[in-house]
PDB file of all heavy atoms in Angstrom:
ATOM      1  N   ILE A   1     -36.755 165.296  -0.261  1.00  0.00           N
ATOM      2  CA  ILE A   1     -37.293 166.412   0.473  1.00  0.00           C
ATOM      3  C   ILE A   1     -37.760 165.886   1.803  1.00  0.00           C
ATOM      4  O   ILE A   1     -38.632 165.057   1.918  1.00  0.00           O
ATOM      5  CB  ILE A   1     -38.531 167.012  -0.318  1.00  0.00           C
ATOM      6  CG1 ILE A   1     -38.132 167.492  -1.719  1.00  0.00           C
ATOM      7  CG2 ILE A   1     -39.170 168.214   0.479  1.00  0.00           C
ATOM      8  CD1 ILE A   1     -39.343 167.929  -2.550  1.00  0.00           C
ATOM      9  N   LYS A   2     -37.249 166.512   2.811  1.00  0.00           N
ATOM     10  CA  LYS A   2     -37.618 166.100   4.214  1.00  0.00           C
ATOM     11  C   LYS A   2     -38.781 166.939   4.769  1.00  0.00           C
ATOM     12  O   LYS A   2     -39.684 166.488   5.402  1.00  0.00           O
ATOM     13  CB  LYS A   2     -36.473 166.246   5.216  1.00  0.00           C
ATOM     14  CG  LYS A   2     -35.286 165.240   4.913  1.00  0.00           C
ATOM     15  CD  LYS A   2     -34.256 165.341   6.022  1.00  0.00           C
ATOM     16  CE  LYS A   2     -34.783 164.734   7.326  1.00  0.00           C
ATOM     17  NZ  LYS A   2     -33.761 164.691   8.397  1.00  0.00           N
ATOM     18  N   SER A   3     -38.680 168.317   4.443  1.00  0.00           N
ATOM     19  CA  SER A   3     -39.761 169.164   5.005  1.00  0.00           C
ATOM     20  C   SER A   3     -39.824 170.404   4.160  1.00  0.00           C
ATOM     21  O   SER A   3     -38.826 170.738   3.397  1.00  0.00           O
ATOM     22  CB  SER A   3     -39.479 169.526   6.443  1.00  0.00           C
ATOM     23  OG  SER A   3     -38.227 170.251   6.513  1.00  0.00           O
ATOM     24  N   ILE A   4     -40.840 171.051   4.216  1.00  0.00           N
ATOM     25  CA  ILE A   4     -41.035 172.479   3.672  1.00  0.00           C
ATOM     26  C   ILE A   4     -41.453 173.418   4.817  1.00  0.00           C
ATOM     27  O   ILE A   4     -42.166 172.989   5.697  1.00  0.00           O
ATOM     28  CB  ILE A   4     -42.011 172.479   2.520  1.00  0.00           C
ATOM     29  CG1 ILE A   4     -43.428 172.202   2.927  1.00  0.00           C
ATOM     30  CG2 ILE A   4     -41.541 171.577   1.370  1.00  0.00           C
ATOM     31  CD1 ILE A   4     -44.435 172.350   1.903  1.00  0.00           C
ATOM     32  N   GLN A   5     -40.868 174.647   4.731  1.00  0.00           N
ATOM     33  CA  GLN A   5     -41.306 175.665   5.713  1.00  0.00           C
ATOM     34  C   GLN A   5     -42.289 176.611   5.018  1.00  0.00           C
ATOM     35  O   GLN A   5     -42.010 177.042   3.909  1.00  0.00           O
ATOM     36  CB  GLN A   5     -40.096 176.407   6.222  1.00  0.00           C
ATOM     37  CG  GLN A   5     -40.447 177.357   7.337  1.00  0.00           C
ATOM     38  CD  GLN A   5     -39.204 178.106   7.825  1.00  0.00           C
ATOM     39  OE1 GLN A   5     -38.589 178.879   7.100  1.00  0.00           O
ATOM     40  NE2 GLN A   5     -38.835 177.886   9.097  1.00  0.00           N
ATOM     41  N   LEU A   6     -43.380 176.918   5.671  1.00  0.00           N
ATOM     42  CA  LEU A   6     -44.373 177.784   5.168  1.00  0.00           C
ATOM     43  C   LEU A   6     -44.383 179.129   5.900  1.00  0.00           C
ATOM     44  O   LEU A   6     -44.068 179.236   7.051  1.00  0.00           O
ATOM     45  CB  LEU A   6     -45.716 177.120   5.225  1.00  0.00           C
ATOM     46  CG  LEU A   6     -45.932 175.731   4.639  1.00  0.00           C
ATOM     47  CD1 LEU A   6     -47.304 175.211   4.920  1.00  0.00           C
ATOM     48  CD2 LEU A   6     -45.657 175.802   3.153  1.00  0.00           C
ATOM     49  N   GLU A   7     -44.748 180.123   5.186  1.00  0.00           N
ATOM     50  CA  GLU A   7     -44.965 181.432   5.797  1.00  0.00           C
ATOM     51  C   GLU A   7     -46.378 181.959   5.505  1.00  0.00           C
ATOM     52  O   GLU A   7     -46.996 181.458   4.476  1.00  0.00           O
ATOM     53  CB  GLU A   7     -43.994 182.502   5.202  1.00  0.00           C
ATOM     54  CG  GLU A   7     -44.069 182.806   3.741  1.00  0.00           C
ATOM     55  CD  GLU A   7     -43.084 183.770   3.233  1.00  0.00           C
ATOM     56  OE1 GLU A   7     -41.957 183.765   3.784  1.00  0.00           O
ATOM     57  OE2 GLU A   7     -43.326 184.541   2.270  1.00  0.00           O
ATOM     58  N   GLN A   8     -46.951 182.766   6.331  1.00  0.00           N
ATOM     59  CA  GLN A   8     -48.304 183.219   6.085  1.00  0.00           C
ATOM     60  C   GLN A   8     -48.292 184.277   4.936  1.00  0.00           C
ATOM     61  O   GLN A   8     -47.489 185.176   4.851  1.00  0.00           O
ATOM     62  CB  GLN A   8     -48.848 183.941   7.409  1.00  0.00           C
ATOM     63  CG  GLN A   8     -48.977 182.974   8.579  1.00  0.00           C
ATOM     64  CD  GLN A   8     -49.522 183.612   9.796  1.00  0.00           C
ATOM     65  OE1 GLN A   8     -50.421 184.431   9.776  1.00  0.00           O
ATOM     66  NE2 GLN A   8     -48.896 183.356  10.908  1.00  0.00           N
ATOM     67  N   SER A   9     -49.199 184.062   4.010  1.00  0.00           N
ATOM     68  CA  SER A   9     -49.232 184.869   2.772  1.00  0.00           C
ATOM     69  C   SER A   9     -49.424 186.361   3.083  1.00  0.00           C
ATOM     70  O   SER A   9     -48.797 187.229   2.448  1.00  0.00           O
ATOM     71  CB  SER A   9     -50.313 184.379   1.836  1.00  0.00           C
ATOM     72  OG  SER A   9     -50.077 183.058   1.439  1.00  0.00           O
ATOM     73  N   GLN A  10     -50.248 186.693   4.089  1.00  0.00           N
ATOM     74  CA  GLN A  10     -50.456 188.070   4.411  1.00  0.00           C
ATOM     75  C   GLN A  10     -49.568 188.641   5.464  1.00  0.00           C
ATOM     76  O   GLN A  10     -49.457 189.862   5.651  1.00  0.00           O
ATOM     77  CB  GLN A  10     -51.986 188.209   4.912  1.00  0.00           C
ATOM     78  CG  GLN A  10     -52.988 187.679   4.003  1.00  0.00           C
ATOM     79  CD  GLN A  10     -52.919 188.242   2.585  1.00  0.00           C
ATOM     80  OE1 GLN A  10     -52.711 189.402   2.405  1.00  0.00           O
ATOM     81  NE2 GLN A  10     -53.063 187.344   1.580  1.00  0.00           N
ATOM     82  N   GLN A  11     -48.890 187.737   6.204  1.00  0.00           N
ATOM     83  CA  GLN A  11     -47.992 188.128   7.225  1.00  0.00           C
ATOM     84  C   GLN A  11     -46.686 187.289   7.232  1.00  0.00           C
ATOM     85  O   GLN A  11     -46.483 186.420   8.034  1.00  0.00           O
ATOM     86  CB  GLN A  11     -48.582 188.002   8.741  1.00  0.00           C
ATOM     87  CG  GLN A  11     -49.773 188.902   8.916  1.00  0.00           C
ATOM     88  CD  GLN A  11     -50.405 188.694  10.322  1.00  0.00           C
ATOM     89  OE1 GLN A  11     -50.922 187.630  10.571  1.00  0.00           O
ATOM     90  NE2 GLN A  11     -50.298 189.756  11.082  1.00  0.00           N
ATOM     91  N   PRO A  12     -45.889 187.500   6.182  1.00  0.00           N
ATOM     92  CA  PRO A  12     -44.733 186.646   5.952  1.00  0.00           C
ATOM     93  C   PRO A  12     -43.703 186.675   7.044  1.00  0.00           C
ATOM     94  O   PRO A  12     -42.876 185.750   7.216  1.00  0.00           O
ATOM     95  CB  PRO A  12     -44.112 187.190   4.601  1.00  0.00           C
ATOM     96  CG  PRO A  12     -44.705 188.542   4.495  1.00  0.00           C
ATOM     97  CD  PRO A  12     -46.062 188.507   5.143  1.00  0.00           C
ATOM     98  N   ASP A  13     -43.636 187.727   7.848  1.00  0.00           N
ATOM     99  CA  ASP A  13     -42.746 187.804   8.943  1.00  0.00           C
ATOM    100  C   ASP A  13     -43.278 187.121  10.250  1.00  0.00           C
ATOM    101  O   ASP A  13     -42.505 187.097  11.254  1.00  0.00           O
ATOM    102  CB  ASP A  13     -42.373 189.260   9.272  1.00  0.00           C
ATOM    103  CG  ASP A  13     -41.629 189.899   8.035  1.00  0.00           C
ATOM    104  OD1 ASP A  13     -40.988 189.130   7.338  1.00  0.00           O
ATOM    105  OD2 ASP A  13     -41.817 191.110   7.860  1.00  0.00           O
ATOM    106  N   ALA A  14     -44.419 186.656  10.273  1.00  0.00           N
ATOM    107  CA  ALA A  14     -45.007 186.045  11.431  1.00  0.00           C
ATOM    108  C   ALA A  14     -44.452 184.608  11.591  1.00  0.00           C
ATOM    109  O   ALA A  14     -43.654 184.185  10.777  1.00  0.00           O
ATOM    110  CB  ALA A  14     -46.554 185.999  11.356  1.00  0.00           C
ATOM    111  N   GLN A  15     -45.001 183.951  12.543  1.00  0.00           N
ATOM    112  CA  GLN A  15     -44.424 182.618  12.870  1.00  0.00           C
ATOM    113  C   GLN A  15     -44.639 181.648  11.643  1.00  0.00           C
ATOM    114  O   GLN A  15     -45.658 181.641  11.007  1.00  0.00           O
ATOM    115  CB  GLN A  15     -45.153 181.985  14.106  1.00  0.00           C
ATOM    116  CG  GLN A  15     -44.558 180.653  14.470  1.00  0.00           C
ATOM    117  CD  GLN A  15     -45.226 180.184  15.857  1.00  0.00           C
ATOM    118  OE1 GLN A  15     -46.103 180.845  16.366  1.00  0.00           O
ATOM    119  NE2 GLN A  15     -44.823 178.976  16.290  1.00  0.00           N
ATOM    120  N   LYS A  16     -43.576 180.890  11.330  1.00  0.00           N
ATOM    121  CA  LYS A  16     -43.549 179.932  10.300  1.00  0.00           C
ATOM    122  C   LYS A  16     -44.206 178.659  10.605  1.00  0.00           C
ATOM    123  O   LYS A  16     -44.482 178.391  11.843  1.00  0.00           O
ATOM    124  CB  LYS A  16     -42.190 179.701   9.780  1.00  0.00           C
ATOM    125  CG  LYS A  16     -41.347 180.920   9.397  1.00  0.00           C
ATOM    126  CD  LYS A  16     -41.928 181.659   8.192  1.00  0.00           C
ATOM    127  CE  LYS A  16     -41.026 182.775   7.731  1.00  0.00           C
ATOM    128  NZ  LYS A  16     -40.942 183.983   8.618  1.00  0.00           N
ATOM    129  N   ARG A  17     -44.421 177.795   9.649  1.00  0.00           N
ATOM    130  CA  ARG A  17     -45.080 176.443   9.901  1.00  0.00           C
ATOM    131  C   ARG A  17     -44.170 175.384   9.174  1.00  0.00           C
ATOM    132  O   ARG A  17     -43.899 175.618   8.012  1.00  0.00           O
ATOM    133  CB  ARG A  17     -46.481 176.446   9.482  1.00  0.00           C
ATOM    134  CG  ARG A  17     -47.233 175.113   9.623  1.00  0.00           C
ATOM    135  CD  ARG A  17     -48.680 175.195   9.362  1.00  0.00           C
ATOM    136  NE  ARG A  17     -49.357 173.968   9.596  1.00  0.00           N
ATOM    137  CZ  ARG A  17     -50.725 173.852   9.672  1.00  0.00           C
ATOM    138  NH1 ARG A  17     -51.440 174.868   9.414  1.00  0.00           N
ATOM    139  NH2 ARG A  17     -51.257 172.667   9.951  1.00  0.00           N
ATOM    140  N   LEU A  18     -43.869 174.300   9.774  1.00  0.00           N
ATOM    141  CA  LEU A  18     -43.092 173.251   9.162  1.00  0.00           C
ATOM    142  C   LEU A  18     -43.998 172.142   8.836  1.00  0.00           C
ATOM    143  O   LEU A  18     -44.861 171.692   9.553  1.00  0.00           O
ATOM    144  CB  LEU A  18     -41.991 172.770  10.206  1.00  0.00           C
ATOM    145  CG  LEU A  18     -40.941 171.858   9.540  1.00  0.00           C
ATOM    146  CD1 LEU A  18     -40.040 172.648   8.607  1.00  0.00           C
ATOM    147  CD2 LEU A  18     -40.056 171.270  10.639  1.00  0.00           C
ATOM    148  N   VAL A  19     -43.776 171.622   7.607  1.00  0.00           N
ATOM    149  CA  VAL A  19     -44.534 170.405   7.171  1.00  0.00           C
ATOM    150  C   VAL A  19     -43.554 169.359   6.776  1.00  0.00           C
ATOM    151  O   VAL A  19     -42.705 169.505   5.815  1.00  0.00           O
ATOM    152  CB  VAL A  19     -45.486 170.763   5.933  1.00  0.00           C
ATOM    153  CG1 VAL A  19     -46.147 169.470   5.434  1.00  0.00           C
ATOM    154  CG2 VAL A  19     -46.503 171.774   6.272  1.00  0.00           C
ATOM    155  N   VAL A  20     -43.651 168.210   7.462  1.00  0.00           N
ATOM    156  CA  VAL A  20     -42.819 167.021   7.162  1.00  0.00           C
ATOM    157  C   VAL A  20     -43.668 165.978   6.497  1.00  0.00           C
ATOM    158  O   VAL A  20     -44.688 165.635   6.952  1.00  0.00           O
ATOM    159  CB  VAL A  20     -42.158 166.469   8.416  1.00  0.00           C
ATOM    160  CG1 VAL A  20     -41.171 165.365   8.136  1.00  0.00           C
ATOM    161  CG2 VAL A  20     -41.423 167.618   9.198  1.00  0.00           C
ATOM    162  N   ALA A  21     -43.224 165.516   5.395  1.00  0.00           N
ATOM    163  CA  ALA A  21     -44.052 164.521   4.611  1.00  0.00           C
ATOM    164  C   ALA A  21     -43.160 163.524   3.905  1.00  0.00           C
ATOM    165  O   ALA A  21     -41.949 163.778   3.692  1.00  0.00           O
ATOM    166  CB  ALA A  21     -44.880 165.202   3.601  1.00  0.00           C
ATOM    167  N   ARG A  22     -43.764 162.372   3.607  1.00  0.00           N
ATOM    168  CA  ARG A  22     -43.084 161.313   2.920  1.00  0.00           C
ATOM    169  C   ARG A  22     -43.027 161.585   1.406  1.00  0.00           C
ATOM    170  O   ARG A  22     -42.050 161.288   0.711  1.00  0.00           O
ATOM    171  CB  ARG A  22     -43.659 159.969   3.201  1.00  0.00           C
ATOM    172  CG  ARG A  22     -43.527 159.544   4.664  1.00  0.00           C
ATOM    173  CD  ARG A  22     -44.078 158.214   4.933  1.00  0.00           C
ATOM    174  NE  ARG A  22     -43.860 157.754   6.272  1.00  0.00           N
ATOM    175  CZ  ARG A  22     -44.460 158.116   7.380  1.00  0.00           C
ATOM    176  NH1 ARG A  22     -45.561 158.860   7.223  1.00  0.00           N
ATOM    177  NH2 ARG A  22     -44.091 157.648   8.537  1.00  0.00           N
ATOM    178  N   GLN A  23     -44.086 162.123   0.843  1.00  0.00           N
ATOM    179  CA  GLN A  23     -44.117 162.437  -0.575  1.00  0.00           C
ATOM    180  C   GLN A  23     -44.711 163.834  -0.687  1.00  0.00           C
ATOM    181  O   GLN A  23     -45.594 164.261   0.051  1.00  0.00           O
ATOM    182  CB  GLN A  23     -45.035 161.444  -1.300  1.00  0.00           C
ATOM    183  CG  GLN A  23     -44.474 160.055  -1.469  1.00  0.00           C
ATOM    184  CD  GLN A  23     -43.328 160.029  -2.545  1.00  0.00           C
ATOM    185  OE1 GLN A  23     -43.377 160.826  -3.476  1.00  0.00           O
ATOM    186  NE2 GLN A  23     -42.419 159.164  -2.288  1.00  0.00           N
ATOM    187  N   PHE A  24     -44.257 164.539  -1.730  1.00  0.00           N
ATOM    188  CA  PHE A  24     -44.713 165.917  -2.026  1.00  0.00           C
ATOM    189  C   PHE A  24     -45.202 165.870  -3.462  1.00  0.00           C
ATOM    190  O   PHE A  24     -44.646 165.299  -4.393  1.00  0.00           O
ATOM    191  CB  PHE A  24     -43.573 166.898  -1.848  1.00  0.00           C
ATOM    192  CG  PHE A  24     -43.070 167.049  -0.473  1.00  0.00           C
ATOM    193  CD1 PHE A  24     -42.155 166.175   0.109  1.00  0.00           C
ATOM    194  CD2 PHE A  24     -43.642 168.114   0.296  1.00  0.00           C
ATOM    195  CE1 PHE A  24     -41.755 166.328   1.377  1.00  0.00           C
ATOM    196  CE2 PHE A  24     -43.212 168.254   1.659  1.00  0.00           C
ATOM    197  CZ  PHE A  24     -42.320 167.331   2.231  1.00  0.00           C
ATOM    198  N   ILE A  25     -46.223 166.759  -3.681  1.00  0.00           N
ATOM    199  CA  ILE A  25     -46.807 166.910  -5.073  1.00  0.00           C
ATOM    200  C   ILE A  25     -46.925 168.447  -5.300  1.00  0.00           C
ATOM    201  O   ILE A  25     -47.675 169.113  -4.576  1.00  0.00           O
ATOM    202  CB  ILE A  25     -48.117 166.212  -5.229  1.00  0.00           C
ATOM    203  CG1 ILE A  25     -48.075 164.735  -4.826  1.00  0.00           C
ATOM    204  CG2 ILE A  25     -48.631 166.401  -6.603  1.00  0.00           C
ATOM    205  CD1 ILE A  25     -49.419 164.014  -4.905  1.00  0.00           C
ATOM    206  N   ASP A  26     -46.207 168.919  -6.239  1.00  0.00           N
ATOM    207  CA  ASP A  26     -46.297 170.360  -6.541  1.00  0.00           C
ATOM    208  C   ASP A  26     -47.431 170.569  -7.591  1.00  0.00           C
ATOM    209  O   ASP A  26     -47.256 170.282  -8.775  1.00  0.00           O
ATOM    210  CB  ASP A  26     -44.987 170.890  -7.099  1.00  0.00           C
ATOM    211  CG  ASP A  26     -44.998 172.373  -7.270  1.00  0.00           C
ATOM    212  OD1 ASP A  26     -46.022 173.021  -7.214  1.00  0.00           O
ATOM    213  OD2 ASP A  26     -43.875 172.973  -7.525  1.00  0.00           O
ATOM    214  N   CYS A  27     -48.534 171.102  -7.112  1.00  0.00           N
ATOM    215  CA  CYS A  27     -49.693 171.409  -8.055  1.00  0.00           C
ATOM    216  C   CYS A  27     -49.887 172.880  -8.198  1.00  0.00           C
ATOM    217  O   CYS A  27     -50.997 173.308  -8.777  1.00  0.00           O
ATOM    218  CB  CYS A  27     -50.929 170.723  -7.500  1.00  0.00           C
ATOM    219  SG  CYS A  27     -50.983 168.984  -7.549  1.00  0.00           S
ATOM    220  N   SER A  28     -48.925 173.690  -7.935  1.00  0.00           N
ATOM    221  CA  SER A  28     -49.015 175.078  -8.145  1.00  0.00           C
ATOM    222  C   SER A  28     -48.807 175.434  -9.640  1.00  0.00           C
ATOM    223  O   SER A  28     -48.184 174.665 -10.425  1.00  0.00           O
ATOM    224  CB  SER A  28     -47.961 175.891  -7.394  1.00  0.00           C
ATOM    225  OG  SER A  28     -46.673 175.595  -7.836  1.00  0.00           O
ATOM    226  N   TYR A  29     -49.423 176.542 -10.096  1.00  0.00           N
ATOM    227  CA  TYR A  29     -49.251 176.992 -11.481  1.00  0.00           C
ATOM    228  C   TYR A  29     -47.813 177.465 -11.780  1.00  0.00           C
ATOM    229  O   TYR A  29     -47.440 177.625 -12.911  1.00  0.00           O
ATOM    230  CB  TYR A  29     -50.213 178.062 -11.824  1.00  0.00           C
ATOM    231  CG  TYR A  29     -51.672 177.537 -11.831  1.00  0.00           C
ATOM    232  CD1 TYR A  29     -52.641 178.171 -11.039  1.00  0.00           C
ATOM    233  CD2 TYR A  29     -52.134 176.560 -12.663  1.00  0.00           C
ATOM    234  CE1 TYR A  29     -53.985 177.796 -11.049  1.00  0.00           C
ATOM    235  CE2 TYR A  29     -53.425 176.153 -12.734  1.00  0.00           C
ATOM    236  CZ  TYR A  29     -54.328 176.759 -11.909  1.00  0.00           C
ATOM    237  OH  TYR A  29     -55.676 176.340 -11.955  1.00  0.00           O
ATOM    238  N   GLU A  30     -47.167 177.823 -10.665  1.00  0.00           N
ATOM    239  CA  GLU A  30     -45.807 178.424 -10.823  1.00  0.00           C
ATOM    240  C   GLU A  30     -44.706 177.463 -10.661  1.00  0.00           C
ATOM    241  O   GLU A  30     -43.544 177.771 -11.031  1.00  0.00           O
ATOM    242  CB  GLU A  30     -45.635 179.600  -9.783  1.00  0.00           C
ATOM    243  CG  GLU A  30     -46.601 180.781  -9.959  1.00  0.00           C
ATOM    244  CD  GLU A  30     -47.984 180.537  -9.379  1.00  0.00           C
ATOM    245  OE1 GLU A  30     -48.135 179.512  -8.676  1.00  0.00           O
ATOM    246  OE2 GLU A  30     -48.873 181.388  -9.613  1.00  0.00           O
ATOM    247  N   GLY A  31     -44.861 176.300 -10.017  1.00  0.00           N
ATOM    248  CA  GLY A  31     -43.785 175.377  -9.846  1.00  0.00           C
ATOM    249  C   GLY A  31     -42.807 175.762  -8.798  1.00  0.00           C
ATOM    250  O   GLY A  31     -41.617 175.480  -8.832  1.00  0.00           O
ATOM    251  N   ASP A  32     -43.277 176.467  -7.747  1.00  0.00           N
ATOM    252  CA  ASP A  32     -42.366 176.957  -6.736  1.00  0.00           C
ATOM    253  C   ASP A  32     -41.702 175.867  -5.952  1.00  0.00           C
ATOM    254  O   ASP A  32     -40.475 175.948  -5.562  1.00  0.00           O
ATOM    255  CB  ASP A  32     -43.138 177.938  -5.796  1.00  0.00           C
ATOM    256  CG  ASP A  32     -43.465 179.259  -6.416  1.00  0.00           C
ATOM    257  OD1 ASP A  32     -42.793 179.563  -7.462  1.00  0.00           O
ATOM    258  OD2 ASP A  32     -44.347 179.971  -5.928  1.00  0.00           O
ATOM    259  N   LEU A  33     -42.436 174.848  -5.548  1.00  0.00           N
ATOM    260  CA  LEU A  33     -41.821 173.807  -4.716  1.00  0.00           C
ATOM    261  C   LEU A  33     -40.807 173.054  -5.610  1.00  0.00           C
ATOM    262  O   LEU A  33     -39.712 172.674  -5.078  1.00  0.00           O
ATOM    263  CB  LEU A  33     -42.959 172.809  -4.257  1.00  0.00           C
ATOM    264  CG  LEU A  33     -42.511 171.544  -3.513  1.00  0.00           C
ATOM    265  CD1 LEU A  33     -41.601 171.904  -2.369  1.00  0.00           C
ATOM    266  CD2 LEU A  33     -43.738 170.712  -3.045  1.00  0.00           C
ATOM    267  N   MET A  34     -41.129 172.741  -6.828  1.00  0.00           N
ATOM    268  CA  MET A  34     -40.170 172.153  -7.724  1.00  0.00           C
ATOM    269  C   MET A  34     -38.875 172.961  -7.771  1.00  0.00           C
ATOM    270  O   MET A  34     -37.782 172.367  -7.683  1.00  0.00           O
ATOM    271  CB  MET A  34     -40.833 172.002  -9.069  1.00  0.00           C
ATOM    272  CG  MET A  34     -39.861 171.630 -10.237  1.00  0.00           C
ATOM    273  SD  MET A  34     -40.613 171.888 -11.879  1.00  0.00           S
ATOM    274  CE  MET A  34     -40.633 173.721 -12.006  1.00  0.00           C
ATOM    275  N   ALA A  35     -39.004 174.178  -7.921  1.00  0.00           N
ATOM    276  CA  ALA A  35     -37.849 175.070  -8.154  1.00  0.00           C
ATOM    277  C   ALA A  35     -36.952 175.105  -6.852  1.00  0.00           C
ATOM    278  O   ALA A  35     -35.719 174.965  -6.866  1.00  0.00           O
ATOM    279  CB  ALA A  35     -38.229 176.499  -8.515  1.00  0.00           C
ATOM    280  N   LYS A  36     -37.655 175.265  -5.675  1.00  0.00           N
ATOM    281  CA  LYS A  36     -36.843 175.384  -4.406  1.00  0.00           C
ATOM    282  C   LYS A  36     -36.297 174.015  -4.015  1.00  0.00           C
ATOM    283  O   LYS A  36     -35.393 173.922  -3.178  1.00  0.00           O
ATOM    284  CB  LYS A  36     -37.761 175.891  -3.319  1.00  0.00           C
ATOM    285  CG  LYS A  36     -38.051 177.400  -3.377  1.00  0.00           C
ATOM    286  CD  LYS A  36     -38.844 177.967  -2.233  1.00  0.00           C
ATOM    287  CE  LYS A  36     -39.037 179.401  -2.302  1.00  0.00           C
ATOM    288  NZ  LYS A  36     -37.761 180.216  -2.081  1.00  0.00           N
ATOM    289  N   ALA A  37     -36.839 172.927  -4.664  1.00  0.00           N
ATOM    290  CA  ALA A  37     -36.297 171.594  -4.322  1.00  0.00           C
ATOM    291  C   ALA A  37     -35.064 171.240  -5.218  1.00  0.00           C
ATOM    292  O   ALA A  37     -34.539 170.196  -5.153  1.00  0.00           O
ATOM    293  CB  ALA A  37     -37.340 170.506  -4.569  1.00  0.00           C
ATOM    294  N   GLY A  38     -34.670 172.260  -6.034  1.00  0.00           N
ATOM    295  CA  GLY A  38     -33.508 172.065  -6.907  1.00  0.00           C
ATOM    296  C   GLY A  38     -33.675 171.172  -8.147  1.00  0.00           C
ATOM    297  O   GLY A  38     -32.743 170.663  -8.677  1.00  0.00           O
TER     298      GLY A  38
END
């Protein structure tokens, strides 16, 4: 995983935010990052 793109929860069509990291930890109850990472 090179990066994830974020959207604002209340304004999803507004400007996005990019996060580049060496390691990722999915601590959500839904596993969304895991799923989108294939």
